[in-house]
Amino acid sequence: MGMLYCDCKLKWSTRTNSYTRKNRHGEKVARKSLYGCYYCTQPHKEHVHPDCPRTIGSKKADDLVWKKVCEVIDKPEILLAEARKQIENIQQQAKEVIEDKERLEREGETILVERQWVITQARKGKINDKDMDYQLGILSNQETNLRGEIASMGEFVRLSILGGWEEKARQYFEDLQVGLESLNTAPQNDEERQEIFTHKRQIVQTLIERVEIKKDRELKVNFRLNVLALLEQTSNFSEVGEVETYSRTLTSLAHPHHYEVCGSPFQPAYQSQLYDLLNLLTEL
């Protein structure tokens, strides 16, 4: 839920269908169990895309997506290869980025000098308080924009000197592979069923950016590999030691978490490279 989109360009929602269904004779009969489904949220028929299937059973969709997740975890070379290319490209551009960062830092120092000059002029009575506030506001906006751009450059440079990321990424997927053996076994009771569902959802939320549903209910899954988050996660894993494990046989499945890429706004010159790397999309 929250990841499924159709050609109507809308996020799908979920609901539970009625307690009855029609049999092959067209008669309404009681369902043996509740039937959940995902559905397109476009309420106007005239705006519905002709390739939108409108609904899909939640179990069917979840099973199809989970199957693709298992395939990626079992053979993560596609994600790793794309991440490798992106990091190599960033490393080639790092020198130019560092020079731009130093230039912006000098501009930031100039803004501080100008700010002090405006305050001094106001103290001497050469400008009134209104003019001072106006000029200080402009300088503050310039300073905020510079800080955001410098911050994005800092992340860019940080990526250029990443070491050992691929080894840690492979270890991460190996841990997931071990965990899959337990997650794909039939639960013995409702508690285990809920535990398995929770672990699966965490993995899906970590590795998948978006799921697109096409005509005939075909699903296209966009995967991502957040290298920085992965390094932070594996670092936390090694520092803390043993992580919480699935109660029966899951022994090495690290619990995934979401990480913000950067708190500051990215500037256009660096936004695309960082986004392509940190939220790497691979269509399967």
C-alpha atoms as a PDB file:
ATOM      1  CA  MET A   1       0.000   0.000   0.000  1.00  0.00           C
ATOM      2  CA  GLY A   2       1.348   3.421  -0.970  1.00  0.00           C
ATOM      3  CA  MET A   3       3.671   2.038  -3.689  1.00  0.00           C
ATOM      4  CA  LEU A   4       1.186   0.896  -6.344  1.00  0.00           C
ATOM      5  CA  TYR A   5       0.422   3.219  -9.290  1.00  0.00           C
ATOM      6  CA  CYS A   6      -1.361   2.825 -12.631  1.00  0.00           C
ATOM      7  CA  ASP A   7      -1.390   4.812 -15.877  1.00  0.00           C
ATOM      8  CA  CYS A   8      -4.007   7.107 -14.306  1.00  0.00           C
ATOM      9  CA  LYS A   9      -0.977   8.493 -12.393  1.00  0.00           C
ATOM     10  CA  LEU A  10      -2.697   7.928  -9.064  1.00  0.00           C
ATOM     11  CA  LYS A  11      -1.627   6.036  -5.971  1.00  0.00           C
ATOM     12  CA  TRP A  12      -3.796   2.986  -5.368  1.00  0.00           C
ATOM     13  CA  SER A  13      -5.555   2.268  -2.104  1.00  0.00           C
ATOM     14  CA  THR A  14      -6.868  -0.906  -0.456  1.00  0.00           C
ATOM     15  CA  ARG A  15     -10.233  -2.225   0.645  1.00  0.00           C
ATOM     16  CA  THR A  16     -11.994  -5.428   1.679  1.00  0.00           C
ATOM     17  CA  ASN A  17     -14.548  -6.720  -0.767  1.00  0.00           C
ATOM     18  CA  SER A  18     -18.043  -7.839   0.177  1.00  0.00           C
ATOM     19  CA  TYR A  19     -18.734 -11.035   2.047  1.00  0.00           C
ATOM     20  CA  THR A  20     -20.424 -12.596  -0.978  1.00  0.00           C
ATOM     21  CA  ARG A  21     -19.398 -13.601  -4.484  1.00  0.00           C
ATOM     22  CA  LYS A  22     -21.095 -14.924  -7.607  1.00  0.00           C
ATOM     23  CA  ASN A  23     -20.643 -18.581  -8.494  1.00  0.00           C
ATOM     24  CA  ARG A  24     -20.546 -19.965 -12.024  1.00  0.00           C
ATOM     25  CA  HIS A  25     -24.338 -19.949 -12.147  1.00  0.00           C
ATOM     26  CA  GLY A  26     -24.463 -16.237 -11.347  1.00  0.00           C
ATOM     27  CA  GLU A  27     -25.808 -16.858  -7.860  1.00  0.00           C
ATOM     28  CA  LYS A  28     -24.524 -14.952  -4.832  1.00  0.00           C
ATOM     29  CA  VAL A  29     -22.879 -17.207  -2.272  1.00  0.00           C
ATOM     30  CA  ALA A  30     -20.981 -16.509   0.933  1.00  0.00           C
ATOM     31  CA  ARG A  31     -17.213 -16.209   0.713  1.00  0.00           C
ATOM     32  CA  LYS A  32     -15.116 -18.628   2.717  1.00  0.00           C
ATOM     33  CA  SER A  33     -12.856 -15.774   3.796  1.00  0.00           C
ATOM     34  CA  LEU A  34     -12.516 -11.994   3.396  1.00  0.00           C
ATOM     35  CA  TYR A  35     -11.057 -10.873   0.081  1.00  0.00           C
ATOM     36  CA  GLY A  36      -8.782  -7.814   0.105  1.00  0.00           C
ATOM     37  CA  CYS A  37      -7.882  -5.889  -3.021  1.00  0.00           C
ATOM     38  CA  TYR A  38      -5.995  -2.834  -4.244  1.00  0.00           C
ATOM     39  CA  TYR A  39      -7.944  -0.400  -6.407  1.00  0.00           C
ATOM     40  CA  CYS A  40      -7.425   2.712  -8.503  1.00  0.00           C
ATOM     41  CA  THR A  41      -8.577   5.856  -6.718  1.00  0.00           C
ATOM     42  CA  GLN A  42      -9.703   7.676  -9.893  1.00  0.00           C
ATOM     43  CA  PRO A  43     -13.428   8.313  -9.223  1.00  0.00           C
ATOM     44  CA  HIS A  44     -14.287   9.738 -12.675  1.00  0.00           C
ATOM     45  CA  LYS A  45     -14.737   7.133 -15.408  1.00  0.00           C
ATOM     46  CA  GLU A  46     -13.965   9.632 -18.170  1.00  0.00           C
ATOM     47  CA  HIS A  47     -10.459  10.128 -16.692  1.00  0.00           C
ATOM     48  CA  VAL A  48      -9.647   6.432 -16.291  1.00  0.00           C
ATOM     49  CA  HIS A  49      -6.748   5.367 -18.517  1.00  0.00           C
ATOM     50  CA  PRO A  50      -7.700   2.579 -20.968  1.00  0.00           C
ATOM     51  CA  ASP A  51      -4.829   0.399 -19.658  1.00  0.00           C
ATOM     52  CA  CYS A  52      -5.876   0.749 -16.017  1.00  0.00           C
ATOM     53  CA  PRO A  53      -7.131  -2.626 -14.682  1.00  0.00           C
ATOM     54  CA  ARG A  54      -8.979  -0.830 -11.843  1.00  0.00           C
ATOM     55  CA  THR A  55      -8.447  -3.596  -9.236  1.00  0.00           C
ATOM     56  CA  ILE A  56      -6.170  -6.470  -8.307  1.00  0.00           C
ATOM     57  CA  GLY A  57      -6.399  -8.927  -5.443  1.00  0.00           C
ATOM     58  CA  SER A  58      -4.089  -7.885  -2.623  1.00  0.00           C
ATOM     59  CA  LYS A  59      -2.752 -11.412  -2.126  1.00  0.00           C
ATOM     60  CA  LYS A  60      -2.038 -11.804  -5.830  1.00  0.00           C
ATOM     61  CA  ALA A  61      -0.237  -8.445  -6.012  1.00  0.00           C
ATOM     62  CA  ASP A  62       1.725  -9.056  -2.809  1.00  0.00           C
ATOM     63  CA  ASP A  63       2.817 -12.491  -3.994  1.00  0.00           C
ATOM     64  CA  LEU A  64       3.949 -11.175  -7.398  1.00  0.00           C
ATOM     65  CA  VAL A  65       5.955  -8.352  -5.832  1.00  0.00           C
ATOM     66  CA  TRP A  66       7.496 -10.637  -3.222  1.00  0.00           C
ATOM     67  CA  LYS A  67       8.533 -13.069  -5.954  1.00  0.00           C
ATOM     68  CA  LYS A  68      10.433 -10.267  -7.721  1.00  0.00           C
ATOM     69  CA  VAL A  69      12.015  -9.214  -4.411  1.00  0.00           C
ATOM     70  CA  CYS A  70      13.267 -12.756  -3.857  1.00  0.00           C
ATOM     71  CA  GLU A  71      14.744 -12.791  -7.368  1.00  0.00           C
ATOM     72  CA  VAL A  72      16.645  -9.563  -6.699  1.00  0.00           C
ATOM     73  CA  ILE A  73      17.894 -10.730  -3.309  1.00  0.00           C
ATOM     74  CA  ASP A  74      19.043 -14.014  -4.827  1.00  0.00           C
ATOM     75  CA  LYS A  75      20.814 -12.263  -7.729  1.00  0.00           C
ATOM     76  CA  PRO A  76      21.538  -8.626  -6.758  1.00  0.00           C
ATOM     77  CA  GLU A  77      24.120  -8.071  -9.528  1.00  0.00           C
ATOM     78  CA  ILE A  78      21.852  -5.703 -11.481  1.00  0.00           C
ATOM     79  CA  LEU A  79      21.537  -3.273  -8.575  1.00  0.00           C
ATOM     80  CA  LEU A  80      25.228  -3.606  -7.663  1.00  0.00           C
ATOM     81  CA  ALA A  81      26.380  -3.044 -11.245  1.00  0.00           C
ATOM     82  CA  GLU A  82      24.302   0.124 -11.630  1.00  0.00           C
ATOM     83  CA  ALA A  83      25.485   1.459  -8.266  1.00  0.00           C
ATOM     84  CA  ARG A  84      29.094   0.743  -9.285  1.00  0.00           C
ATOM     85  CA  LYS A  85      28.685   2.788 -12.480  1.00  0.00           C
ATOM     86  CA  GLN A  86      27.143   5.698 -10.613  1.00  0.00           C
ATOM     87  CA  ILE A  87      29.886   5.806  -7.983  1.00  0.00           C
ATOM     88  CA  GLU A  88      32.603   5.657 -10.659  1.00  0.00           C
ATOM     89  CA  ASN A  89      30.943   8.578 -12.429  1.00  0.00           C
ATOM     90  CA  ILE A  90      30.765  10.567  -9.202  1.00  0.00           C
ATOM     91  CA  GLN A  91      34.410   9.897  -8.419  1.00  0.00           C
ATOM     92  CA  GLN A  92      35.375  11.345 -11.800  1.00  0.00           C
ATOM     93  CA  GLN A  93      33.445  14.543 -11.073  1.00  0.00           C
ATOM     94  CA  ALA A  94      34.589  14.901  -7.458  1.00  0.00           C
ATOM     95  CA  LYS A  95      37.528  17.255  -8.178  1.00  0.00           C
ATOM     96  CA  GLU A  96      35.314  19.795  -9.957  1.00  0.00           C
ATOM     97  CA  VAL A  97      32.728  19.548  -7.170  1.00  0.00           C
ATOM     98  CA  ILE A  98      35.355  20.266  -4.505  1.00  0.00           C
ATOM     99  CA  GLU A  99      36.459  23.400  -6.393  1.00  0.00           C
ATOM    100  CA  ASP A 100      32.838  24.601  -6.630  1.00  0.00           C
ATOM    101  CA  LYS A 101      32.342  23.901  -2.937  1.00  0.00           C
ATOM    102  CA  GLU A 102      35.358  26.043  -2.017  1.00  0.00           C
ATOM    103  CA  ARG A 103      34.044  28.862  -4.232  1.00  0.00           C
ATOM    104  CA  LEU A 104      30.645  28.795  -2.543  1.00  0.00           C
ATOM    105  CA  GLU A 105      32.245  28.788   0.893  1.00  0.00           C
ATOM    106  CA  ARG A 106      34.079  31.993  -0.072  1.00  0.00           C
ATOM    107  CA  GLU A 107      30.772  33.492  -1.209  1.00  0.00           C
ATOM    108  CA  GLY A 108      29.344  32.582   2.184  1.00  0.00           C
ATOM    109  CA  GLU A 109      32.135  34.492   3.906  1.00  0.00           C
ATOM    110  CA  THR A 110      31.356  37.508   1.697  1.00  0.00           C
ATOM    111  CA  ILE A 111      27.707  37.396   2.759  1.00  0.00           C
ATOM    112  CA  LEU A 112      28.760  37.496   6.425  1.00  0.00           C
ATOM    113  CA  VAL A 113      30.837  40.609   5.716  1.00  0.00           C
ATOM    114  CA  GLU A 114      27.918  42.244   3.890  1.00  0.00           C
ATOM    115  CA  ARG A 115      25.576  41.397   6.758  1.00  0.00           C
ATOM    116  CA  GLN A 116      27.885  43.109   9.241  1.00  0.00           C
ATOM    117  CA  TRP A 117      28.176  46.136   6.926  1.00  0.00           C
ATOM    118  CA  VAL A 118      24.373  46.514   6.773  1.00  0.00           C
ATOM    119  CA  ILE A 119      24.105  46.339  10.565  1.00  0.00           C
ATOM    120  CA  THR A 120      26.881  48.925  10.925  1.00  0.00           C
ATOM    121  CA  GLN A 121      25.134  51.314   8.498  1.00  0.00           C
ATOM    122  CA  ALA A 122      21.922  51.017  10.512  1.00  0.00           C
ATOM    123  CA  ARG A 123      23.744  51.777  13.766  1.00  0.00           C
ATOM    124  CA  LYS A 124      25.245  54.899  12.186  1.00  0.00           C
ATOM    125  CA  GLY A 125      21.778  56.027  11.108  1.00  0.00           C
ATOM    126  CA  LYS A 126      22.574  55.902   7.403  1.00  0.00           C
ATOM    127  CA  ILE A 127      19.707  53.470   6.767  1.00  0.00           C
ATOM    128  CA  ASN A 128      16.492  52.987   8.715  1.00  0.00           C
ATOM    129  CA  ASP A 129      15.319  49.776  10.375  1.00  0.00           C
ATOM    130  CA  LYS A 130      13.004  48.898   7.495  1.00  0.00           C
ATOM    131  CA  ASP A 131      15.819  49.060   4.946  1.00  0.00           C
ATOM    132  CA  MET A 132      18.087  47.081   7.261  1.00  0.00           C
ATOM    133  CA  ASP A 133      15.496  44.296   7.671  1.00  0.00           C
ATOM    134  CA  TYR A 134      14.927  44.166   3.927  1.00  0.00           C
ATOM    135  CA  GLN A 135      18.630  43.859   3.088  1.00  0.00           C
ATOM    136  CA  LEU A 136      19.259  41.350   5.875  1.00  0.00           C
ATOM    137  CA  GLY A 137      16.342  39.272   4.571  1.00  0.00           C
ATOM    138  CA  ILE A 138      17.876  39.134   1.104  1.00  0.00           C
ATOM    139  CA  LEU A 139      21.251  38.125   2.555  1.00  0.00           C
ATOM    140  CA  SER A 140      19.607  35.454   4.712  1.00  0.00           C
ATOM    141  CA  ASN A 141      17.929  33.914   1.662  1.00  0.00           C
ATOM    142  CA  GLN A 142      21.236  33.902  -0.200  1.00  0.00           C
ATOM    143  CA  GLU A 143      22.935  32.278   2.795  1.00  0.00           C
ATOM    144  CA  THR A 144      20.237  29.591   3.059  1.00  0.00           C
ATOM    145  CA  ASN A 145      20.584  28.722  -0.629  1.00  0.00           C
ATOM    146  CA  LEU A 146      24.372  28.551  -0.307  1.00  0.00           C
ATOM    147  CA  ARG A 147      24.166  26.263   2.712  1.00  0.00           C
ATOM    148  CA  GLY A 148      21.845  23.913   0.864  1.00  0.00           C
ATOM    149  CA  GLU A 149      24.112  23.797  -2.168  1.00  0.00           C
ATOM    150  CA  ILE A 150      27.218  23.279  -0.045  1.00  0.00           C
ATOM    151  CA  ALA A 151      25.486  20.504   1.886  1.00  0.00           C
ATOM    152  CA  SER A 152      24.545  18.673  -1.320  1.00  0.00           C
ATOM    153  CA  MET A 153      28.116  19.015  -2.537  1.00  0.00           C
ATOM    154  CA  GLY A 154      29.339  17.594   0.753  1.00  0.00           C
ATOM    155  CA  GLU A 155      27.214  14.488   0.198  1.00  0.00           C
ATOM    156  CA  PHE A 156      28.520  14.308  -3.366  1.00  0.00           C
ATOM    157  CA  VAL A 157      32.140  14.400  -2.173  1.00  0.00           C
ATOM    158  CA  ARG A 158      31.318  11.899   0.557  1.00  0.00           C
ATOM    159  CA  LEU A 159      30.089   9.473  -2.072  1.00  0.00           C
ATOM    160  CA  SER A 160      33.267   9.893  -4.104  1.00  0.00           C
ATOM    161  CA  ILE A 161      35.419   8.508  -1.290  1.00  0.00           C
ATOM    162  CA  LEU A 162      33.213   5.604  -0.259  1.00  0.00           C
ATOM    163  CA  GLY A 163      35.260   2.559   0.545  1.00  0.00           C
ATOM    164  CA  GLY A 164      34.198  -1.034   0.926  1.00  0.00           C
ATOM    165  CA  TRP A 165      30.584  -0.304   0.014  1.00  0.00           C
ATOM    166  CA  GLU A 166      30.291  -3.183  -2.432  1.00  0.00           C
ATOM    167  CA  GLU A 167      31.545  -5.749   0.067  1.00  0.00           C
ATOM    168  CA  LYS A 168      29.059  -4.524   2.656  1.00  0.00           C
ATOM    169  CA  ALA A 169      26.277  -4.522   0.071  1.00  0.00           C
ATOM    170  CA  ARG A 170      26.981  -8.132  -0.832  1.00  0.00           C
ATOM    171  CA  GLN A 171      27.011  -9.077   2.855  1.00  0.00           C
ATOM    172  CA  TYR A 172      23.680  -7.327   3.292  1.00  0.00           C
ATOM    173  CA  PHE A 173      22.114  -9.374   0.506  1.00  0.00           C
ATOM    174  CA  GLU A 174      23.676 -12.570   1.859  1.00  0.00           C
ATOM    175  CA  ASP A 175      22.018 -11.874   5.200  1.00  0.00           C
ATOM    176  CA  LEU A 176      18.709 -11.355   3.424  1.00  0.00           C
ATOM    177  CA  GLN A 177      19.170 -14.618   1.519  1.00  0.00           C
ATOM    178  CA  VAL A 178      19.507 -16.525   4.787  1.00  0.00           C
ATOM    179  CA  GLY A 179      16.418 -14.786   6.140  1.00  0.00           C
ATOM    180  CA  LEU A 180      14.372 -15.683   3.072  1.00  0.00           C
ATOM    181  CA  GLU A 181      14.501 -19.365   3.946  1.00  0.00           C
ATOM    182  CA  SER A 182      12.462 -18.646   7.053  1.00  0.00           C
ATOM    183  CA  LEU A 183      10.221 -16.001   5.529  1.00  0.00           C
ATOM    184  CA  ASN A 184       9.142 -18.350   2.741  1.00  0.00           C
ATOM    185  CA  THR A 185       8.132 -21.174   5.102  1.00  0.00           C
ATOM    186  CA  ALA A 186       4.506 -21.651   6.093  1.00  0.00           C
ATOM    187  CA  PRO A 187       3.683 -20.020   9.458  1.00  0.00           C
ATOM    188  CA  GLN A 188       2.626 -22.317  12.289  1.00  0.00           C
ATOM    189  CA  ASN A 189       0.256 -19.873  13.949  1.00  0.00           C
ATOM    190  CA  ASP A 190      -1.182 -16.354  13.670  1.00  0.00           C
ATOM    191  CA  GLU A 191       1.683 -14.808  15.643  1.00  0.00           C
ATOM    192  CA  GLU A 192       4.260 -16.218  13.244  1.00  0.00           C
ATOM    193  CA  ARG A 193       2.125 -15.169  10.290  1.00  0.00           C
ATOM    194  CA  GLN A 194       2.144 -11.566  11.550  1.00  0.00           C
ATOM    195  CA  GLU A 195       5.909 -11.670  12.183  1.00  0.00           C
ATOM    196  CA  ILE A 196       6.598 -12.933   8.679  1.00  0.00           C
ATOM    197  CA  PHE A 197       4.300 -10.304   7.177  1.00  0.00           C
ATOM    198  CA  THR A 198       6.055  -7.525   9.122  1.00  0.00           C
ATOM    199  CA  HIS A 199       9.539  -8.651   8.017  1.00  0.00           C
ATOM    200  CA  LYS A 200       8.446  -8.930   4.394  1.00  0.00           C
ATOM    201  CA  ARG A 201       6.923  -5.472   4.456  1.00  0.00           C
ATOM    202  CA  GLN A 202      10.138  -3.988   5.894  1.00  0.00           C
ATOM    203  CA  ILE A 203      12.206  -5.548   3.113  1.00  0.00           C
ATOM    204  CA  VAL A 204       9.771  -4.375   0.442  1.00  0.00           C
ATOM    205  CA  GLN A 205       9.799  -0.827   1.803  1.00  0.00           C
ATOM    206  CA  THR A 206      13.618  -0.833   1.834  1.00  0.00           C
ATOM    207  CA  LEU A 207      14.279  -2.220  -1.651  1.00  0.00           C
ATOM    208  CA  ILE A 208      11.291  -0.993  -3.678  1.00  0.00           C
ATOM    209  CA  GLU A 209      10.636   2.562  -4.778  1.00  0.00           C
ATOM    210  CA  ARG A 210       7.464   2.074  -6.828  1.00  0.00           C
ATOM    211  CA  VAL A 211       5.224  -0.608  -8.344  1.00  0.00           C
ATOM    212  CA  GLU A 212       3.397   0.093 -11.590  1.00  0.00           C
ATOM    213  CA  ILE A 213       0.380  -1.956 -12.622  1.00  0.00           C
ATOM    214  CA  LYS A 214      -0.271  -2.285 -16.342  1.00  0.00           C
ATOM    215  CA  LYS A 215      -2.926  -3.791 -18.575  1.00  0.00           C
ATOM    216  CA  ASP A 216      -3.836  -7.396 -17.761  1.00  0.00           C
ATOM    217  CA  ARG A 217      -2.604  -6.689 -14.210  1.00  0.00           C
ATOM    218  CA  GLU A 218       1.068  -6.967 -15.128  1.00  0.00           C
ATOM    219  CA  LEU A 219       3.284  -5.518 -12.397  1.00  0.00           C
ATOM    220  CA  LYS A 220       6.543  -3.640 -13.016  1.00  0.00           C
ATOM    221  CA  VAL A 221       8.665  -3.176  -9.910  1.00  0.00           C
ATOM    222  CA  ASN A 222      11.203  -0.353  -9.574  1.00  0.00           C
ATOM    223  CA  PHE A 223      13.960  -1.332  -7.158  1.00  0.00           C
ATOM    224  CA  ARG A 224      16.412   1.015  -5.436  1.00  0.00           C
ATOM    225  CA  LEU A 225      19.760   0.617  -3.734  1.00  0.00           C
ATOM    226  CA  ASN A 226      20.479   3.409  -1.252  1.00  0.00           C
ATOM    227  CA  VAL A 227      24.258   3.076  -0.838  1.00  0.00           C
ATOM    228  CA  LEU A 228      24.666   5.587   2.000  1.00  0.00           C
ATOM    229  CA  ALA A 229      21.774   4.130   3.975  1.00  0.00           C
ATOM    230  CA  LEU A 230      23.162   0.673   3.387  1.00  0.00           C
ATOM    231  CA  LEU A 231      26.570   1.665   4.763  1.00  0.00           C
ATOM    232  CA  GLU A 232      24.983   3.358   7.777  1.00  0.00           C
ATOM    233  CA  GLN A 233      22.796   0.330   8.404  1.00  0.00           C
ATOM    234  CA  THR A 234      25.645  -2.201   8.174  1.00  0.00           C
ATOM    235  CA  SER A 235      27.777   0.080  10.355  1.00  0.00           C
ATOM    236  CA  ASN A 236      25.062   0.176  13.015  1.00  0.00           C
ATOM    237  CA  PHE A 237      24.696  -3.579  12.692  1.00  0.00           C
ATOM    238  CA  SER A 238      28.401  -4.162  13.378  1.00  0.00           C
ATOM    239  CA  GLU A 239      28.448  -1.718  16.297  1.00  0.00           C
ATOM    240  CA  VAL A 240      25.336  -2.991  18.034  1.00  0.00           C
ATOM    241  CA  GLY A 241      26.083  -6.643  17.386  1.00  0.00           C
ATOM    242  CA  GLU A 242      23.291  -9.145  17.128  1.00  0.00           C
ATOM    243  CA  VAL A 243      20.044  -7.716  15.811  1.00  0.00           C
ATOM    244  CA  GLU A 244      16.534  -8.826  16.632  1.00  0.00           C
ATOM    245  CA  THR A 245      15.794 -12.079  14.846  1.00  0.00           C
ATOM    246  CA  TYR A 246      12.746 -13.922  13.689  1.00  0.00           C
ATOM    247  CA  SER A 247      11.580 -16.173  16.498  1.00  0.00           C
ATOM    248  CA  ARG A 248      11.859 -19.535  14.731  1.00  0.00           C
ATOM    249  CA  THR A 249      14.871 -19.804  12.403  1.00  0.00           C
ATOM    250  CA  LEU A 250      15.653 -16.341  11.042  1.00  0.00           C
ATOM    251  CA  THR A 251      19.163 -15.658  12.358  1.00  0.00           C
ATOM    252  CA  SER A 252      20.836 -13.059  10.170  1.00  0.00           C
ATOM    253  CA  LEU A 253      18.171 -10.895   8.583  1.00  0.00           C
ATOM    254  CA  ALA A 254      19.120  -7.316   9.381  1.00  0.00           C
ATOM    255  CA  HIS A 255      16.075  -5.145   9.956  1.00  0.00           C
ATOM    256  CA  PRO A 256      15.911  -2.460   7.253  1.00  0.00           C
ATOM    257  CA  HIS A 257      15.190   1.170   8.049  1.00  0.00           C
ATOM    258  CA  HIS A 258      14.597   4.290   6.003  1.00  0.00           C
ATOM    259  CA  TYR A 259      17.176   7.072   6.000  1.00  0.00           C
ATOM    260  CA  GLU A 260      16.829  10.589   4.704  1.00  0.00           C
ATOM    261  CA  VAL A 261      19.281  11.321   1.918  1.00  0.00           C
ATOM    262  CA  CYS A 262      20.109  14.792   3.168  1.00  0.00           C
ATOM    263  CA  GLY A 263      18.293  17.359   5.264  1.00  0.00           C
ATOM    264  CA  SER A 264      19.255  20.271   2.993  1.00  0.00           C
ATOM    265  CA  PRO A 265      17.748  20.952  -0.432  1.00  0.00           C
ATOM    266  CA  PHE A 266      19.786  19.703  -3.399  1.00  0.00           C
ATOM    267  CA  GLN A 267      20.686  22.165  -6.128  1.00  0.00           C
ATOM    268  CA  PRO A 268      19.948  21.246  -9.769  1.00  0.00           C
ATOM    269  CA  ALA A 269      23.625  20.734 -10.684  1.00  0.00           C
ATOM    270  CA  TYR A 270      23.971  17.826  -8.263  1.00  0.00           C
ATOM    271  CA  GLN A 271      20.437  16.691  -7.553  1.00  0.00           C
ATOM    272  CA  SER A 272      20.135  14.252 -10.465  1.00  0.00           C
ATOM    273  CA  GLN A 273      23.424  12.458  -9.768  1.00  0.00           C
ATOM    274  CA  LEU A 274      22.683  12.057  -6.075  1.00  0.00           C
ATOM    275  CA  TYR A 275      19.115  10.954  -6.630  1.00  0.00           C
ATOM    276  CA  ASP A 276      20.131   8.428  -9.270  1.00  0.00           C
ATOM    277  CA  LEU A 277      22.620   6.879  -6.869  1.00  0.00           C
ATOM    278  CA  LEU A 278      20.849   7.100  -3.550  1.00  0.00           C
ATOM    279  CA  ASN A 279      17.495   5.999  -4.904  1.00  0.00           C
ATOM    280  CA  LEU A 280      18.639   3.729  -7.705  1.00  0.00           C
ATOM    281  CA  LEU A 281      15.738   2.523  -9.823  1.00  0.00           C
ATOM    282  CA  THR A 282      15.980  -0.712 -11.750  1.00  0.00           C
ATOM    283  CA  GLU A 283      12.902  -1.881 -13.628  1.00  0.00           C
ATOM    284  CA  LEU A 284      12.339  -5.619 -13.657  1.00  0.00           C
END
